[in-house]
């Protein structure tokens, strides 16, 4: 019975470790998705010259980026109209986990202007996002090992106390 209890505690610690890891990886996964989405947005702005609601409803309508940024932005745009584009972008970007919100929020005032200026700002944001992703990947690698060690050592300590 004690072995079964110890096994359950270790499984719980492993589950907690996996849950924490998943939570910690959210900005990284979302950042990767937004990096690709920003490339699509830049292409749509430069080459296709499509209006933003059409881009949001078509090319950017799938994936984690759509769920966290593009769909809420489209809903706000449909509710408020394009005259509040910068404000809609700002509110949608603030809903992202830090520091993604701070990286994307400066694009808001440039959205109504469109054109090459916006495309250049999108490319600059993509470069900043790439730097963030590289730094975050390195940080997550070391932090993942620490989280796993803490969860499993806490589970082992609990087993020792209960035995």
Protein backbone atom coordinates (compact mmCIF):
# COMPACT_ATOMS: atom_id res chain seq x y z
CA UNK A 1 0.00 0.00 0.00
CA UNK A 2 2.87 2.34 0.79
CA UNK A 3 4.47 1.62 -2.57
CA UNK A 4 1.20 2.46 -4.31
CA UNK A 5 0.95 5.72 -2.33
CA UNK A 6 4.55 6.59 -3.18
CA UNK A 7 3.88 5.87 -6.85
CA UNK A 8 0.80 8.09 -6.81
CA UNK A 9 2.75 10.92 -5.20
CA UNK A 10 5.49 10.63 -7.81
CA UNK A 11 2.90 10.59 -10.61
CA UNK A 12 1.28 13.69 -9.10
CA UNK A 13 4.66 15.43 -8.95
CA UNK A 14 5.31 14.48 -12.58
CA UNK A 15 1.88 15.78 -13.57
CA UNK A 16 2.51 19.04 -11.74
CA UNK A 17 5.85 19.35 -13.49
CA UNK A 18 4.24 18.81 -16.90
CA UNK A 19 1.51 21.33 -16.13
CA UNK A 20 4.01 24.00 -15.01
CA UNK A 21 6.13 23.35 -18.08
CA UNK A 22 3.13 23.78 -20.36
CA UNK A 23 2.21 27.08 -18.68
CA UNK A 24 5.78 28.34 -18.97
CA UNK A 25 5.96 27.47 -22.67
CA UNK A 26 2.84 29.45 -23.62
CA UNK A 27 4.70 32.69 -24.52
CA UNK A 28 7.23 30.67 -26.52
CA UNK A 29 4.62 28.72 -28.51
CA UNK A 30 2.51 31.81 -29.07
CA UNK A 31 5.58 33.83 -30.05
CA UNK A 32 6.53 31.26 -32.70
CA UNK A 33 3.00 31.32 -34.09
CA UNK A 34 2.90 35.12 -34.13
CA UNK A 35 6.28 35.25 -35.85
CA UNK A 36 4.85 33.30 -38.78
CA UNK A 37 1.61 35.27 -38.69
CA UNK A 38 3.51 38.56 -38.85
CA UNK A 39 5.30 37.32 -41.98
CA UNK A 40 1.90 36.61 -43.54
CA UNK A 41 0.62 40.02 -42.44
CA UNK A 42 3.67 41.74 -43.93
CA UNK A 43 3.18 39.91 -47.24
CA UNK A 44 -0.52 40.77 -47.29
CA UNK A 45 0.23 44.45 -46.58
CA UNK A 46 3.10 44.76 -49.08
CA UNK A 47 2.05 42.57 -51.98
CA UNK A 48 -1.69 41.96 -51.81
CA UNK A 49 -2.61 45.33 -50.25
CA UNK A 50 -5.65 43.69 -48.71
CA UNK A 51 -7.67 45.48 -46.01
CA UNK A 52 -7.00 44.33 -42.45
CA UNK A 53 -10.43 42.75 -41.79
CA UNK A 54 -10.01 40.64 -44.94
CA UNK A 55 -6.53 39.54 -43.86
CA UNK A 56 -7.74 38.69 -40.35
CA UNK A 57 -10.70 36.69 -41.65
CA UNK A 58 -8.70 34.82 -44.29
CA UNK A 59 -4.95 34.39 -44.06
CA UNK A 60 -4.71 34.77 -40.27
CA UNK A 61 -7.80 32.84 -39.25
CA UNK A 62 -6.10 29.69 -37.90
CA UNK A 63 -3.63 28.64 -35.24
CA UNK A 64 -2.71 29.89 -31.77
CA UNK A 65 -2.13 33.42 -33.03
CA UNK A 66 -5.68 33.59 -34.33
CA UNK A 67 -7.06 32.36 -31.04
CA UNK A 68 -5.12 34.84 -28.89
CA UNK A 69 -4.77 37.93 -31.11
CA UNK A 70 -6.28 37.92 -34.58
CA UNK A 71 -9.82 36.70 -33.83
CA UNK A 72 -10.31 39.06 -30.85
CA UNK A 73 -8.95 41.89 -33.00
CA UNK A 74 -11.39 41.07 -35.80
CA UNK A 75 -14.29 40.95 -33.35
CA UNK A 76 -13.34 44.35 -31.92
CA UNK A 77 -12.95 45.81 -35.41
CA UNK A 78 -16.38 44.55 -36.45
CA UNK A 79 -17.90 46.02 -33.29
CA UNK A 80 -16.15 49.40 -33.39
CA UNK A 81 -15.34 49.88 -37.08
CA UNK A 82 -11.99 50.77 -38.59
CA UNK A 83 -11.88 54.29 -37.13
CA UNK A 84 -10.85 52.77 -33.80
CA UNK A 85 -8.22 50.50 -35.36
CA UNK A 86 -5.30 51.61 -33.18
CA UNK A 87 -7.36 51.28 -29.99
CA UNK A 88 -8.66 47.85 -31.02
CA UNK A 89 -5.11 46.69 -31.73
CA UNK A 90 -3.90 48.03 -28.40
CA UNK A 91 -6.60 46.19 -26.44
CA UNK A 92 -6.05 42.96 -28.37
CA UNK A 93 -2.27 43.14 -27.91
CA UNK A 94 -2.61 43.79 -24.16
CA UNK A 95 -4.40 40.44 -23.82
CA UNK A 96 -1.20 38.63 -24.86
CA UNK A 97 1.21 37.28 -22.24
CA UNK A 98 4.18 39.51 -21.42
CA UNK A 99 6.48 40.45 -23.19
CA UNK A 100 4.56 39.68 -26.40
CA UNK A 101 2.11 42.45 -25.55
CA UNK A 102 4.89 45.04 -25.36
CA UNK A 103 6.46 43.83 -28.59
CA UNK A 104 3.26 44.02 -30.64
CA UNK A 105 1.50 47.05 -29.16
CA UNK A 106 3.64 49.66 -31.03
CA UNK A 107 2.22 48.46 -34.36
CA UNK A 108 -1.24 49.81 -33.48
CA UNK A 109 -0.77 53.46 -34.44
CA UNK A 110 0.79 52.46 -37.78
CA UNK A 111 -2.09 50.20 -38.86
CA UNK A 112 -4.35 52.92 -40.31
CA UNK A 113 -1.51 54.24 -42.50
CA UNK A 114 -0.65 50.84 -44.00
CA UNK A 115 1.84 50.60 -46.86
CA UNK A 116 5.60 50.36 -46.67
CA UNK A 117 5.86 52.11 -43.33
CA UNK A 118 3.66 49.49 -41.69
CA UNK A 119 5.46 46.66 -43.49
CA UNK A 120 8.81 47.99 -42.24
CA UNK A 121 7.48 48.19 -38.69
CA UNK A 122 6.18 44.62 -38.96
CA UNK A 123 9.61 43.41 -40.08
CA UNK A 124 11.26 45.26 -37.20
CA UNK A 125 8.78 43.66 -34.79
CA UNK A 126 9.56 40.25 -36.30
CA UNK A 127 13.28 40.82 -35.63
CA UNK A 128 12.58 41.78 -32.01
CA UNK A 129 10.30 38.77 -31.65
CA UNK A 130 13.02 36.50 -33.06
CA UNK A 131 15.50 37.84 -30.49
CA UNK A 132 12.95 37.25 -27.72
CA UNK A 133 12.31 33.69 -28.91
CA UNK A 134 16.02 32.84 -28.93
CA UNK A 135 16.49 34.20 -25.42
CA UNK A 136 13.31 32.51 -24.19
CA UNK A 137 14.34 29.13 -25.62
CA UNK A 138 17.64 29.30 -23.74
CA UNK A 139 15.88 30.37 -20.54
CA UNK A 140 13.22 27.67 -20.85
CA UNK A 141 15.83 24.94 -21.31
CA UNK A 142 17.48 25.72 -17.99
CA UNK A 143 14.24 26.53 -16.17
CA UNK A 144 12.60 23.29 -17.33
CA UNK A 145 15.30 21.24 -15.64
CA UNK A 146 14.97 23.25 -12.43
CA UNK A 147 11.17 22.87 -12.43
CA UNK A 148 11.44 19.10 -12.95
CA UNK A 149 14.00 18.78 -10.16
CA UNK A 150 11.87 20.80 -7.74
CA UNK A 151 8.67 18.88 -8.45
CA UNK A 152 10.29 15.47 -8.18
CA UNK A 153 12.35 16.33 -5.11
CA UNK A 154 9.22 17.73 -3.45
CA UNK A 155 7.40 14.48 -4.25
CA UNK A 156 10.28 12.40 -2.85
CA UNK A 157 10.38 14.52 0.31
CA UNK A 158 6.65 14.00 0.79
CA UNK A 159 7.12 10.24 0.38
CA UNK A 160 9.88 10.24 3.01
CA UNK A 161 7.73 12.23 5.43
CA UNK A 162 4.74 9.91 4.96
CA UNK A 163 6.76 6.73 5.28
